[in-house]
PDB file of N, CA and C in Angstrom:
ATOM      1  N   UNK A   1      19.046   1.036 -40.328  1.00  0.00           N
ATOM      2  CA  UNK A   1      18.456   0.198 -39.312  1.00  0.00           C
ATOM      3  C   UNK A   1      18.402   0.904 -37.962  1.00  0.00           C
ATOM      4  N   UNK A   2      19.327   1.797 -37.695  1.00  0.00           N
ATOM      5  CA  UNK A   2      19.350   2.471 -36.404  1.00  0.00           C
ATOM      6  C   UNK A   2      18.128   3.350 -36.221  1.00  0.00           C
ATOM      7  N   UNK A   3      17.394   3.662 -37.314  1.00  0.00           N
ATOM      8  CA  UNK A   3      16.213   4.488 -37.228  1.00  0.00           C
ATOM      9  C   UNK A   3      14.943   3.704 -37.000  1.00  0.00           C
ATOM     10  N   UNK A   4      15.015   2.415 -36.753  1.00  0.00           N
ATOM     11  CA  UNK A   4      13.824   1.610 -36.521  1.00  0.00           C
ATOM     12  C   UNK A   4      13.151   2.057 -35.229  1.00  0.00           C
ATOM     13  N   UNK A   5      11.835   2.223 -35.310  1.00  0.00           N
ATOM     14  CA  UNK A   5      11.059   2.667 -34.159  1.00  0.00           C
ATOM     15  C   UNK A   5      10.021   1.607 -33.798  1.00  0.00           C
ATOM     16  N   UNK A   6       9.550   1.667 -32.594  1.00  0.00           N
ATOM     17  CA  UNK A   6       8.579   0.682 -32.108  1.00  0.00           C
ATOM     18  C   UNK A   6       7.331   0.633 -32.988  1.00  0.00           C
ATOM     19  N   UNK A   7       6.897   1.779 -33.523  1.00  0.00           N
ATOM     20  CA  UNK A   7       5.708   1.817 -34.358  1.00  0.00           C
ATOM     21  C   UNK A   7       5.849   1.054 -35.671  1.00  0.00           C
ATOM     22  N   UNK A   8       7.080   0.777 -36.094  1.00  0.00           N
ATOM     23  CA  UNK A   8       7.312   0.028 -37.325  1.00  0.00           C
ATOM     24  C   UNK A   8       7.211  -1.479 -37.121  1.00  0.00           C
ATOM     25  N   UNK A   9       7.223  -1.929 -35.879  1.00  0.00           N
ATOM     26  CA  UNK A   9       7.135  -3.360 -35.573  1.00  0.00           C
ATOM     27  C   UNK A   9       5.661  -3.721 -35.417  1.00  0.00           C
ATOM     28  N   UNK A  10       4.960  -3.841 -36.558  1.00  0.00           N
ATOM     29  CA  UNK A  10       3.503  -3.995 -36.569  1.00  0.00           C
ATOM     30  C   UNK A  10       3.017  -5.434 -36.668  1.00  0.00           C
ATOM     31  N   UNK A  11       3.895  -6.349 -36.984  1.00  0.00           N
ATOM     32  CA  UNK A  11       3.499  -7.748 -37.160  1.00  0.00           C
ATOM     33  C   UNK A  11       3.817  -8.550 -35.906  1.00  0.00           C
ATOM     34  N   UNK A  12       3.208  -9.721 -35.770  1.00  0.00           N
ATOM     35  CA  UNK A  12       3.508 -10.639 -34.671  1.00  0.00           C
ATOM     36  C   UNK A  12       4.121 -11.897 -35.275  1.00  0.00           C
ATOM     37  N   UNK A  13       5.315 -12.230 -34.812  1.00  0.00           N
ATOM     38  CA  UNK A  13       6.049 -13.390 -35.308  1.00  0.00           C
ATOM     39  C   UNK A  13       6.265 -14.370 -34.158  1.00  0.00           C
ATOM     40  N   UNK A  14       5.941 -15.631 -34.402  1.00  0.00           N
ATOM     41  CA  UNK A  14       6.228 -16.696 -33.441  1.00  0.00           C
ATOM     42  C   UNK A  14       7.390 -17.504 -34.013  1.00  0.00           C
ATOM     43  N   UNK A  15       8.427 -17.672 -33.242  1.00  0.00           N
ATOM     44  CA  UNK A  15       9.564 -18.471 -33.678  1.00  0.00           C
ATOM     45  C   UNK A  15       9.357 -19.907 -33.242  1.00  0.00           C
ATOM     46  N   UNK A  16       9.748 -20.837 -34.118  1.00  0.00           N
ATOM     47  CA  UNK A  16       9.572 -22.255 -33.845  1.00  0.00           C
ATOM     48  C   UNK A  16      10.877 -22.999 -34.098  1.00  0.00           C
ATOM     49  N   UNK A  17      11.116 -24.036 -33.321  1.00  0.00           N
ATOM     50  CA  UNK A  17      12.312 -24.858 -33.481  1.00  0.00           C
ATOM     51  C   UNK A  17      11.926 -26.324 -33.318  1.00  0.00           C
ATOM     52  N   UNK A  18      12.753 -27.196 -33.876  1.00  0.00           N
ATOM     53  CA  UNK A  18      12.509 -28.627 -33.758  1.00  0.00           C
ATOM     54  C   UNK A  18      13.347 -29.193 -32.624  1.00  0.00           C
ATOM     55  N   UNK A  19      12.685 -29.915 -31.742  1.00  0.00           N
ATOM     56  CA  UNK A  19      13.404 -30.581 -30.671  1.00  0.00           C
ATOM     57  C   UNK A  19      13.967 -31.889 -31.208  1.00  0.00           C
ATOM     58  N   UNK A  20      15.125 -32.265 -30.705  1.00  0.00           N
ATOM     59  CA  UNK A  20      15.708 -33.550 -31.063  1.00  0.00           C
ATOM     60  C   UNK A  20      15.202 -34.596 -30.087  1.00  0.00           C
ATOM     61  N   UNK A  21      14.709 -35.716 -30.621  1.00  0.00           N
ATOM     62  CA  UNK A  21      14.165 -36.791 -29.779  1.00  0.00           C
ATOM     63  C   UNK A  21      14.898 -38.085 -30.066  1.00  0.00           C
ATOM     64  N   UNK A  22      14.930 -38.949 -29.094  1.00  0.00           N
ATOM     65  CA  UNK A  22      15.573 -40.255 -29.225  1.00  0.00           C
ATOM     66  C   UNK A  22      14.671 -41.166 -30.052  1.00  0.00           C
ATOM     67  N   UNK A  23      15.247 -41.859 -31.041  1.00  0.00           N
ATOM     68  CA  UNK A  23      14.447 -42.755 -31.883  1.00  0.00           C
ATOM     69  C   UNK A  23      14.366 -44.168 -31.316  1.00  0.00           C
ATOM     70  N   UNK A  24      14.930 -44.387 -30.141  1.00  0.00           N
ATOM     71  CA  UNK A  24      14.870 -45.699 -29.518  1.00  0.00           C
ATOM     72  C   UNK A  24      16.033 -46.602 -29.884  1.00  0.00           C
ATOM     73  N   UNK A  25      16.873 -46.172 -30.803  1.00  0.00           N
ATOM     74  CA  UNK A  25      18.029 -46.961 -31.239  1.00  0.00           C
ATOM     75  C   UNK A  25      19.341 -46.245 -30.951  1.00  0.00           C
ATOM     76  N   UNK A  26      19.296 -45.244 -30.083  1.00  0.00           N
ATOM     77  CA  UNK A  26      20.503 -44.508 -29.738  1.00  0.00           C
ATOM     78  C   UNK A  26      20.795 -43.331 -30.640  1.00  0.00           C
ATOM     79  N   UNK A  27      19.891 -43.031 -31.543  1.00  0.00           N
ATOM     80  CA  UNK A  27      20.058 -41.891 -32.455  1.00  0.00           C
ATOM     81  C   UNK A  27      19.074 -40.794 -32.077  1.00  0.00           C
ATOM     82  N   UNK A  28      19.359 -39.593 -32.521  1.00  0.00           N
ATOM     83  CA  UNK A  28      18.406 -38.504 -32.337  1.00  0.00           C
ATOM     84  C   UNK A  28      17.860 -38.098 -33.701  1.00  0.00           C
ATOM     85  N   UNK A  29      16.579 -37.817 -33.724  1.00  0.00           N
ATOM     86  CA  UNK A  29      15.906 -37.373 -34.941  1.00  0.00           C
ATOM     87  C   UNK A  29      15.119 -36.110 -34.623  1.00  0.00           C
ATOM     88  N   UNK A  30      14.780 -35.363 -35.654  1.00  0.00           N
ATOM     89  CA  UNK A  30      14.009 -34.140 -35.479  1.00  0.00           C
ATOM     90  C   UNK A  30      12.583 -34.482 -35.083  1.00  0.00           C
ATOM     91  N   UNK A  31      12.109 -33.820 -34.048  1.00  0.00           N
ATOM     92  CA  UNK A  31      10.741 -34.025 -33.588  1.00  0.00           C
ATOM     93  C   UNK A  31       9.811 -32.983 -34.175  1.00  0.00           C
ATOM     94  N   UNK A  32       8.732 -32.746 -33.471  1.00  0.00           N
ATOM     95  CA  UNK A  32       7.749 -31.754 -33.903  1.00  0.00           C
ATOM     96  C   UNK A  32       8.278 -30.345 -33.674  1.00  0.00           C
ATOM     97  N   UNK A  33       7.664 -29.396 -34.367  1.00  0.00           N
ATOM     98  CA  UNK A  33       8.023 -27.991 -34.188  1.00  0.00           C
ATOM     99  C   UNK A  33       7.451 -27.509 -32.864  1.00  0.00           C
ATOM    100  N   UNK A  34       8.282 -26.838 -32.083  1.00  0.00           N
ATOM    101  CA  UNK A  34       7.905 -26.297 -30.789  1.00  0.00           C
ATOM    102  C   UNK A  34       7.933 -24.779 -30.871  1.00  0.00           C
ATOM    103  N   UNK A  35       6.906 -24.135 -30.352  1.00  0.00           N
ATOM    104  CA  UNK A  35       6.839 -22.678 -30.412  1.00  0.00           C
ATOM    105  C   UNK A  35       7.732 -22.060 -29.347  1.00  0.00           C
ATOM    106  N   UNK A  36       8.553 -21.119 -29.794  1.00  0.00           N
ATOM    107  CA  UNK A  36       9.428 -20.366 -28.899  1.00  0.00           C
ATOM    108  C   UNK A  36       8.814 -18.998 -28.634  1.00  0.00           C
ATOM    109  N   UNK A  37       9.632 -17.967 -28.603  1.00  0.00           N
ATOM    110  CA  UNK A  37       9.110 -16.626 -28.301  1.00  0.00           C
ATOM    111  C   UNK A  37       8.232 -16.067 -29.419  1.00  0.00           C
ATOM    112  N   UNK A  38       7.233 -15.279 -29.030  1.00  0.00           N
ATOM    113  CA  UNK A  38       6.396 -14.530 -29.964  1.00  0.00           C
ATOM    114  C   UNK A  38       6.682 -13.053 -29.718  1.00  0.00           C
ATOM    115  N   UNK A  39       7.062 -12.354 -30.795  1.00  0.00           N
ATOM    116  CA  UNK A  39       7.512 -10.967 -30.656  1.00  0.00           C
ATOM    117  C   UNK A  39       6.913 -10.080 -31.743  1.00  0.00           C
ATOM    118  N   UNK A  40       6.998  -8.773 -31.510  1.00  0.00           N
ATOM    119  CA  UNK A  40       6.606  -7.791 -32.519  1.00  0.00           C
ATOM    120  C   UNK A  40       7.724  -7.710 -33.563  1.00  0.00           C
ATOM    121  N   UNK A  41       7.343  -7.522 -34.828  1.00  0.00           N
ATOM    122  CA  UNK A  41       8.342  -7.533 -35.892  1.00  0.00           C
ATOM    123  C   UNK A  41       7.913  -6.654 -37.054  1.00  0.00           C
ATOM    124  N   UNK A  42       8.890  -6.338 -37.894  1.00  0.00           N
ATOM    125  CA  UNK A  42       8.631  -5.673 -39.172  1.00  0.00           C
ATOM    126  C   UNK A  42       9.043  -6.652 -40.264  1.00  0.00           C
ATOM    127  N   UNK A  43       8.150  -6.921 -41.204  1.00  0.00           N
ATOM    128  CA  UNK A  43       8.442  -7.816 -42.320  1.00  0.00           C
ATOM    129  C   UNK A  43       8.567  -6.970 -43.567  1.00  0.00           C
ATOM    130  N   UNK A  44       9.751  -6.980 -44.169  1.00  0.00           N
ATOM    131  CA  UNK A  44      10.014  -6.174 -45.355  1.00  0.00           C
ATOM    132  C   UNK A  44      10.364  -7.101 -46.513  1.00  0.00           C
ATOM    133  N   UNK A  45       9.527  -7.152 -47.558  1.00  0.00           N
ATOM    134  CA  UNK A  45       9.840  -7.996 -48.714  1.00  0.00           C
ATOM    135  C   UNK A  45      11.091  -7.508 -49.436  1.00  0.00           C
ATOM    136  N   UNK A  46      11.881  -8.449 -49.901  1.00  0.00           N
ATOM    137  CA  UNK A  46      13.061  -8.150 -50.706  1.00  0.00           C
ATOM    138  C   UNK A  46      12.795  -8.655 -52.116  1.00  0.00           C
ATOM    139  N   UNK A  47      13.722  -8.465 -53.006  1.00  0.00           N
ATOM    140  CA  UNK A  47      13.534  -8.904 -54.382  1.00  0.00           C
ATOM    141  C   UNK A  47      13.488 -10.431 -54.444  1.00  0.00           C
ATOM    142  N   UNK A  48      12.473 -10.961 -55.075  1.00  0.00           N
ATOM    143  CA  UNK A  48      12.295 -12.406 -55.198  1.00  0.00           C
ATOM    144  C   UNK A  48      13.099 -12.982 -56.339  1.00  0.00           C
ATOM    145  N   UNK A  49      13.068 -14.303 -56.448  1.00  0.00           N
ATOM    146  CA  UNK A  49      13.798 -14.990 -57.512  1.00  0.00           C
ATOM    147  C   UNK A  49      13.020 -16.218 -57.941  1.00  0.00           C
ATOM    148  N   UNK A  50      13.193 -16.581 -59.191  1.00  0.00           N
ATOM    149  CA  UNK A  50      12.599 -17.810 -59.698  1.00  0.00           C
ATOM    150  C   UNK A  50      13.707 -18.664 -60.271  1.00  0.00           C
ATOM    151  N   UNK A  51      13.763 -19.905 -59.853  1.00  0.00           N
ATOM    152  CA  UNK A  51      14.762 -20.836 -60.375  1.00  0.00           C
ATOM    153  C   UNK A  51      14.061 -22.084 -60.878  1.00  0.00           C
ATOM    154  N   UNK A  52      14.731 -22.792 -61.764  1.00  0.00           N
ATOM    155  CA  UNK A  52      14.185 -24.050 -62.262  1.00  0.00           C
ATOM    156  C   UNK A  52      14.790 -25.171 -61.436  1.00  0.00           C
ATOM    157  N   UNK A  53      13.923 -25.914 -60.766  1.00  0.00           N
ATOM    158  CA  UNK A  53      14.350 -27.040 -59.951  1.00  0.00           C
ATOM    159  C   UNK A  53      13.544 -28.246 -60.374  1.00  0.00           C
ATOM    160  N   UNK A  54      14.249 -29.295 -60.799  1.00  0.00           N
ATOM    161  CA  UNK A  54      13.609 -30.537 -61.229  1.00  0.00           C
ATOM    162  C   UNK A  54      12.544 -30.254 -62.293  1.00  0.00           C
ATOM    163  N   UNK A  55      12.920 -29.440 -63.259  1.00  0.00           N
ATOM    164  CA  UNK A  55      12.083 -29.105 -64.404  1.00  0.00           C
ATOM    165  C   UNK A  55      10.815 -28.341 -64.024  1.00  0.00           C
ATOM    166  N   UNK A  56      10.786 -27.748 -62.832  1.00  0.00           N
ATOM    167  CA  UNK A  56       9.650 -26.933 -62.421  1.00  0.00           C
ATOM    168  C   UNK A  56      10.158 -25.557 -62.022  1.00  0.00           C
ATOM    169  N   UNK A  57       9.326 -24.572 -62.217  1.00  0.00           N
ATOM    170  CA  UNK A  57       9.669 -23.220 -61.822  1.00  0.00           C
ATOM    171  C   UNK A  57       9.346 -23.058 -60.341  1.00  0.00           C
ATOM    172  N   UNK A  58      10.350 -22.697 -59.557  1.00  0.00           N
ATOM    173  CA  UNK A  58      10.168 -22.535 -58.116  1.00  0.00           C
ATOM    174  C   UNK A  58      10.420 -21.082 -57.749  1.00  0.00           C
ATOM    175  N   UNK A  59       9.422 -20.440 -57.169  1.00  0.00           N
ATOM    176  CA  UNK A  59       9.569 -19.048 -56.762  1.00  0.00           C
ATOM    177  C   UNK A  59       9.953 -18.950 -55.302  1.00  0.00           C
ATOM    178  N   UNK A  60      10.957 -18.142 -55.023  1.00  0.00           N
ATOM    179  CA  UNK A  60      11.385 -17.903 -53.650  1.00  0.00           C
ATOM    180  C   UNK A  60      11.186 -16.433 -53.353  1.00  0.00           C
ATOM    181  N   UNK A  61      10.590 -16.124 -52.221  1.00  0.00           N
ATOM    182  CA  UNK A  61      10.385 -14.740 -51.832  1.00  0.00           C
ATOM    183  C   UNK A  61      11.184 -14.457 -50.569  1.00  0.00           C
ATOM    184  N   UNK A  62      12.326 -13.767 -50.695  1.00  0.00           N
ATOM    185  CA  UNK A  62      13.084 -13.406 -49.498  1.00  0.00           C
ATOM    186  C   UNK A  62      12.465 -12.205 -48.795  1.00  0.00           C
ATOM    187  N   UNK A  63      12.533 -12.215 -47.482  1.00  0.00           N
ATOM    188  CA  UNK A  63      12.059 -11.098 -46.678  1.00  0.00           C
ATOM    189  C   UNK A  63      13.089 -10.821 -45.584  1.00  0.00           C
ATOM    190  N   UNK A  64      13.065  -9.609 -45.084  1.00  0.00           N
ATOM    191  CA  UNK A  64      13.879  -9.278 -43.921  1.00  0.00           C
ATOM    192  C   UNK A  64      12.928  -9.016 -42.767  1.00  0.00           C
ATOM    193  N   UNK A  65      13.101  -9.765 -41.695  1.00  0.00           N
ATOM    194  CA  UNK A  65      12.269  -9.612 -40.510  1.00  0.00           C
ATOM    195  C   UNK A  65      13.125  -8.933 -39.446  1.00  0.00           C
ATOM    196  N   UNK A  66      12.672  -7.771 -38.990  1.00  0.00           N
ATOM    197  CA  UNK A  66      13.385  -7.014 -37.968  1.00  0.00           C
ATOM    198  C   UNK A  66      12.664  -7.180 -36.641  1.00  0.00           C
ATOM    199  N   UNK A  67      13.415  -7.557 -35.604  1.00  0.00           N
ATOM    200  CA  UNK A  67      12.855  -7.747 -34.266  1.00  0.00           C
ATOM    201  C   UNK A  67      13.775  -7.074 -33.247  1.00  0.00           C
ATOM    202  N   UNK A  68      13.259  -6.838 -32.072  1.00  0.00           N
ATOM    203  CA  UNK A  68      14.105  -6.337 -30.986  1.00  0.00           C
ATOM    204  C   UNK A  68      14.922  -7.493 -30.429  1.00  0.00           C
ATOM    205  N   UNK A  69      16.170  -7.226 -30.116  1.00  0.00           N
ATOM    206  CA  UNK A  69      17.026  -8.240 -29.516  1.00  0.00           C
ATOM    207  C   UNK A  69      16.681  -8.343 -28.035  1.00  0.00           C
ATOM    208  N   UNK A  70      16.522  -9.560 -27.548  1.00  0.00           N
ATOM    209  CA  UNK A  70      16.219  -9.790 -26.139  1.00  0.00           C
ATOM    210  C   UNK A  70      16.823 -11.129 -25.737  1.00  0.00           C
ATOM    211  N   UNK A  71      16.703 -11.465 -24.479  1.00  0.00           N
ATOM    212  CA  UNK A  71      17.212 -12.751 -23.998  1.00  0.00           C
ATOM    213  C   UNK A  71      16.511 -13.910 -24.714  1.00  0.00           C
ATOM    214  N   UNK A  72      15.246 -13.729 -25.076  1.00  0.00           N
ATOM    215  CA  UNK A  72      14.496 -14.783 -25.756  1.00  0.00           C
ATOM    216  C   UNK A  72      14.858 -14.893 -27.233  1.00  0.00           C
ATOM    217  N   UNK A  73      15.081 -13.755 -27.895  1.00  0.00           N
ATOM    218  CA  UNK A  73      15.325 -13.792 -29.337  1.00  0.00           C
ATOM    219  C   UNK A  73      16.772 -14.049 -29.705  1.00  0.00           C
ATOM    220  N   UNK A  74      17.699 -13.890 -28.777  1.00  0.00           N
ATOM    221  CA  UNK A  74      19.111 -14.127 -29.080  1.00  0.00           C
ATOM    222  C   UNK A  74      19.361 -15.612 -29.370  1.00  0.00           C
ATOM    223  N   UNK A  75      18.458 -16.483 -28.961  1.00  0.00           N
ATOM    224  CA  UNK A  75      18.601 -17.921 -29.197  1.00  0.00           C
ATOM    225  C   UNK A  75      18.218 -18.328 -30.620  1.00  0.00           C
ATOM    226  N   UNK A  76      17.572 -17.452 -31.382  1.00  0.00           N
ATOM    227  CA  UNK A  76      17.116 -17.777 -32.740  1.00  0.00           C
ATOM    228  C   UNK A  76      18.321 -17.983 -33.654  1.00  0.00           C
ATOM    229  N   UNK A  77      18.337 -19.113 -34.363  1.00  0.00           N
ATOM    230  CA  UNK A  77      19.406 -19.441 -35.303  1.00  0.00           C
ATOM    231  C   UNK A  77      18.792 -19.853 -36.634  1.00  0.00           C
ATOM    232  N   UNK A  78      19.628 -20.255 -37.561  1.00  0.00           N
ATOM    233  CA  UNK A  78      19.148 -20.669 -38.881  1.00  0.00           C
ATOM    234  C   UNK A  78      18.440 -22.022 -38.850  1.00  0.00           C
ATOM    235  N   UNK A  79      18.439 -22.702 -37.728  1.00  0.00           N
ATOM    236  CA  UNK A  79      17.684 -23.954 -37.583  1.00  0.00           C
ATOM    237  C   UNK A  79      16.218 -23.692 -37.265  1.00  0.00           C
ATOM    238  N   UNK A  80      15.891 -22.468 -36.947  1.00  0.00           N
ATOM    239  CA  UNK A  80      14.540 -22.100 -36.549  1.00  0.00           C
ATOM    240  C   UNK A  80      13.744 -21.627 -37.767  1.00  0.00           C
ATOM    241  N   UNK A  81      12.452 -21.449 -37.560  1.00  0.00           N
ATOM    242  CA  UNK A  81      11.610 -20.825 -38.576  1.00  0.00           C
ATOM    243  C   UNK A  81      10.729 -19.788 -37.897  1.00  0.00           C
ATOM    244  N   UNK A  82      10.240 -18.844 -38.691  1.00  0.00           N
ATOM    245  CA  UNK A  82       9.392 -17.767 -38.192  1.00  0.00           C
ATOM    246  C   UNK A  82       8.004 -17.936 -38.802  1.00  0.00           C
ATOM    247  N   UNK A  83       6.975 -17.807 -37.972  1.00  0.00           N
ATOM    248  CA  UNK A  83       5.595 -17.935 -38.440  1.00  0.00           C
ATOM    249  C   UNK A  83       4.845 -16.651 -38.124  1.00  0.00           C
ATOM    250  N   UNK A  84       4.244 -16.063 -39.163  1.00  0.00           N
ATOM    251  CA  UNK A  84       3.414 -14.878 -38.981  1.00  0.00           C
ATOM    252  C   UNK A  84       2.149 -15.324 -38.253  1.00  0.00           C
ATOM    253  N   UNK A  85       1.942 -14.810 -37.056  1.00  0.00           N
ATOM    254  CA  UNK A  85       0.827 -15.245 -36.223  1.00  0.00           C
ATOM    255  C   UNK A  85      -0.511 -14.925 -36.866  1.00  0.00           C
ATOM    256  N   UNK A  86      -0.620 -13.795 -37.535  1.00  0.00           N
ATOM    257  CA  UNK A  86      -1.901 -13.375 -38.111  1.00  0.00           C
ATOM    258  C   UNK A  86      -2.269 -14.142 -39.374  1.00  0.00           C
ATOM    259  N   UNK A  87      -1.289 -14.403 -40.246  1.00  0.00           N
ATOM    260  CA  UNK A  87      -1.594 -15.047 -41.532  1.00  0.00           C
ATOM    261  C   UNK A  87      -1.237 -16.531 -41.573  1.00  0.00           C
ATOM    262  N   UNK A  88      -0.373 -16.977 -40.673  1.00  0.00           N
ATOM    263  CA  UNK A  88       0.070 -18.371 -40.683  1.00  0.00           C
ATOM    264  C   UNK A  88       1.207 -18.641 -41.651  1.00  0.00           C
ATOM    265  N   UNK A  89       1.698 -17.616 -42.334  1.00  0.00           N
ATOM    266  CA  UNK A  89       2.799 -17.766 -43.288  1.00  0.00           C
ATOM    267  C   UNK A  89       4.068 -18.173 -42.550  1.00  0.00           C
ATOM    268  N   UNK A  90       4.774 -19.183 -43.086  1.00  0.00           N
ATOM    269  CA  UNK A  90       5.988 -19.688 -42.457  1.00  0.00           C
ATOM    270  C   UNK A  90       7.200 -19.277 -43.284  1.00  0.00           C
ATOM    271  N   UNK A  91       8.190 -18.706 -42.618  1.00  0.00           N
ATOM    272  CA  UNK A  91       9.434 -18.278 -43.247  1.00  0.00           C
ATOM    273  C   UNK A  91      10.587 -19.087 -42.669  1.00  0.00           C
ATOM    274  N   UNK A  92      11.498 -19.505 -43.513  1.00  0.00           N
ATOM    275  CA  UNK A  92      12.698 -20.205 -43.060  1.00  0.00           C
ATOM    276  C   UNK A  92      13.796 -19.192 -42.818  1.00  0.00           C
ATOM    277  N   UNK A  93      14.393 -19.231 -41.637  1.00  0.00           N
ATOM    278  CA  UNK A  93      15.445 -18.281 -41.272  1.00  0.00           C
ATOM    279  C   UNK A  93      16.740 -18.698 -41.968  1.00  0.00           C
ATOM    280  N   UNK A  94      17.325 -17.796 -42.756  1.00  0.00           N
ATOM    281  CA  UNK A  94      18.564 -18.067 -43.490  1.00  0.00           C
ATOM    282  C   UNK A  94      19.780 -17.420 -42.842  1.00  0.00           C
ATOM    283  N   UNK A  95      19.606 -16.254 -42.204  1.00  0.00           N
ATOM    284  CA  UNK A  95      20.719 -15.618 -41.494  1.00  0.00           C
ATOM    285  C   UNK A  95      20.171 -14.685 -40.431  1.00  0.00           C
ATOM    286  N   UNK A  96      20.973 -14.490 -39.391  1.00  0.00           N
ATOM    287  CA  UNK A  96      20.623 -13.591 -38.294  1.00  0.00           C
ATOM    288  C   UNK A  96      21.796 -12.645 -38.098  1.00  0.00           C
ATOM    289  N   UNK A  97      21.536 -11.339 -38.210  1.00  0.00           N
ATOM    290  CA  UNK A  97      22.612 -10.359 -38.056  1.00  0.00           C
ATOM    291  C   UNK A  97      22.195  -9.256 -37.081  1.00  0.00           C
ATOM    292  N   UNK A  98      23.208  -8.580 -36.558  1.00  0.00           N
ATOM    293  CA  UNK A  98      23.028  -7.434 -35.666  1.00  0.00           C
ATOM    294  C   UNK A  98      23.354  -6.188 -36.496  1.00  0.00           C
ATOM    295  N   UNK A  99      22.376  -5.612 -37.190  1.00  0.00           N
ATOM    296  CA  UNK A  99      22.666  -4.571 -38.173  1.00  0.00           C
ATOM    297  C   UNK A  99      23.208  -3.260 -37.607  1.00  0.00           C
ATOM    298  N   UNK A 100      22.768  -2.866 -36.419  1.00  0.00           N
ATOM    299  CA  UNK A 100      23.227  -1.580 -35.890  1.00  0.00           C
ATOM    300  C   UNK A 100      24.448  -1.712 -34.986  1.00  0.00           C
ATOM    301  N   UNK A 101      24.891  -2.932 -34.746  1.00  0.00           N
ATOM    302  CA  UNK A 101      26.056  -3.239 -33.910  1.00  0.00           C
ATOM    303  C   UNK A 101      25.938  -2.662 -32.506  1.00  0.00           C
ATOM    304  N   UNK A 102      24.711  -2.427 -32.071  1.00  0.00           N
ATOM    305  CA  UNK A 102      24.469  -1.924 -30.718  1.00  0.00           C
ATOM    306  C   UNK A 102      23.614  -2.903 -29.915  1.00  0.00           C
ATOM    307  N   UNK A 103      23.339  -4.047 -30.494  1.00  0.00           N
ATOM    308  CA  UNK A 103      22.552  -5.110 -29.849  1.00  0.00           C
ATOM    309  C   UNK A 103      21.150  -4.648 -29.454  1.00  0.00           C
ATOM    310  N   UNK A 104      20.559  -3.791 -30.293  1.00  0.00           N
ATOM    311  CA  UNK A 104      19.187  -3.356 -30.042  1.00  0.00           C
ATOM    312  C   UNK A 104      18.201  -4.140 -30.894  1.00  0.00           C
ATOM    313  N   UNK A 105      18.584  -4.453 -32.130  1.00  0.00           N
ATOM    314  CA  UNK A 105      17.702  -5.155 -33.053  1.00  0.00           C
ATOM    315  C   UNK A 105      18.437  -6.334 -33.678  1.00  0.00           C
ATOM    316  N   UNK A 106      17.656  -7.270 -34.204  1.00  0.00           N
ATOM    317  CA  UNK A 106      18.185  -8.355 -35.022  1.00  0.00           C
ATOM    318  C   UNK A 106      17.470  -8.289 -36.362  1.00  0.00           C
ATOM    319  N   UNK A 107      18.209  -8.488 -37.431  1.00  0.00           N
ATOM    320  CA  UNK A 107      17.630  -8.554 -38.773  1.00  0.00           C
ATOM    321  C   UNK A 107      17.785  -9.990 -39.244  1.00  0.00           C
ATOM    322  N   UNK A 108      16.676 -10.615 -39.557  1.00  0.00           N
ATOM    323  CA  UNK A 108      16.683 -12.005 -39.996  1.00  0.00           C
ATOM    324  C   UNK A 108      16.350 -12.049 -41.477  1.00  0.00           C
ATOM    325  N   UNK A 109      17.256 -12.608 -42.253  1.00  0.00           N
ATOM    326  CA  UNK A 109      16.950 -12.821 -43.662  1.00  0.00           C
ATOM    327  C   UNK A 109      16.259 -14.169 -43.739  1.00  0.00           C
ATOM    328  N   UNK A 110      15.033 -14.142 -44.263  1.00  0.00           N
ATOM    329  CA  UNK A 110      14.211 -15.351 -44.312  1.00  0.00           C
ATOM    330  C   UNK A 110      13.693 -15.563 -45.727  1.00  0.00           C
ATOM    331  N   UNK A 111      13.227 -16.779 -45.996  1.00  0.00           N
ATOM    332  CA  UNK A 111      12.665 -17.098 -47.305  1.00  0.00           C
ATOM    333  C   UNK A 111      11.321 -17.776 -47.165  1.00  0.00           C
ATOM    334  N   UNK A 112      10.444 -17.413 -48.062  1.00  0.00           N
ATOM    335  CA  UNK A 112       9.137 -18.025 -48.199  1.00  0.00           C
ATOM    336  C   UNK A 112       9.151 -18.826 -49.490  1.00  0.00           C
ATOM    337  N   UNK A 113       8.599 -19.991 -49.482  1.00  0.00           N
ATOM    338  CA  UNK A 113       8.526 -20.785 -50.707  1.00  0.00           C
ATOM    339  C   UNK A 113       9.663 -21.761 -50.877  1.00  0.00           C
ATOM    340  N   UNK A 114      10.351 -22.100 -49.793  1.00  0.00           N
ATOM    341  CA  UNK A 114      11.416 -23.101 -49.846  1.00  0.00           C
ATOM    342  C   UNK A 114      11.160 -24.138 -48.774  1.00  0.00           C
ATOM    343  N   UNK A 115      11.802 -25.285 -48.898  1.00  0.00           N
ATOM    344  CA  UNK A 115      11.612 -26.366 -47.931  1.00  0.00           C
ATOM    345  C   UNK A 115      12.136 -25.962 -46.568  1.00  0.00           C
ATOM    346  N   UNK A 116      11.458 -26.446 -45.547  1.00  0.00           N
ATOM    347  CA  UNK A 116      11.839 -26.142 -44.173  1.00  0.00           C
ATOM    348  C   UNK A 116      13.057 -26.956 -43.751  1.00  0.00           C
TER     349      UNK A 116
END
């Protein structure tokens, strides 16, 4: 990961999060998805998996999204999702790690084909 270069960050990713809104009864519920930072990224497919869920075959495609760490991207957590700006593909963020331990990049393990 320490060898990641700017030229490898060829994709555009928009991060989205759900705001909590008052339901009028003193509770908070998830609202609409709100767009957060849009950044350059590298999307690297990982080995996929197929599982049987409710008697149907469900395919999950994990990917690793590499982004530069910044004040805007440090807020990204597993409650957020990543959307490929060019294709509209939505990925659910499963984990966020600092792979080089130098706070230069973040590696997000995400999944395509699962519920948000």
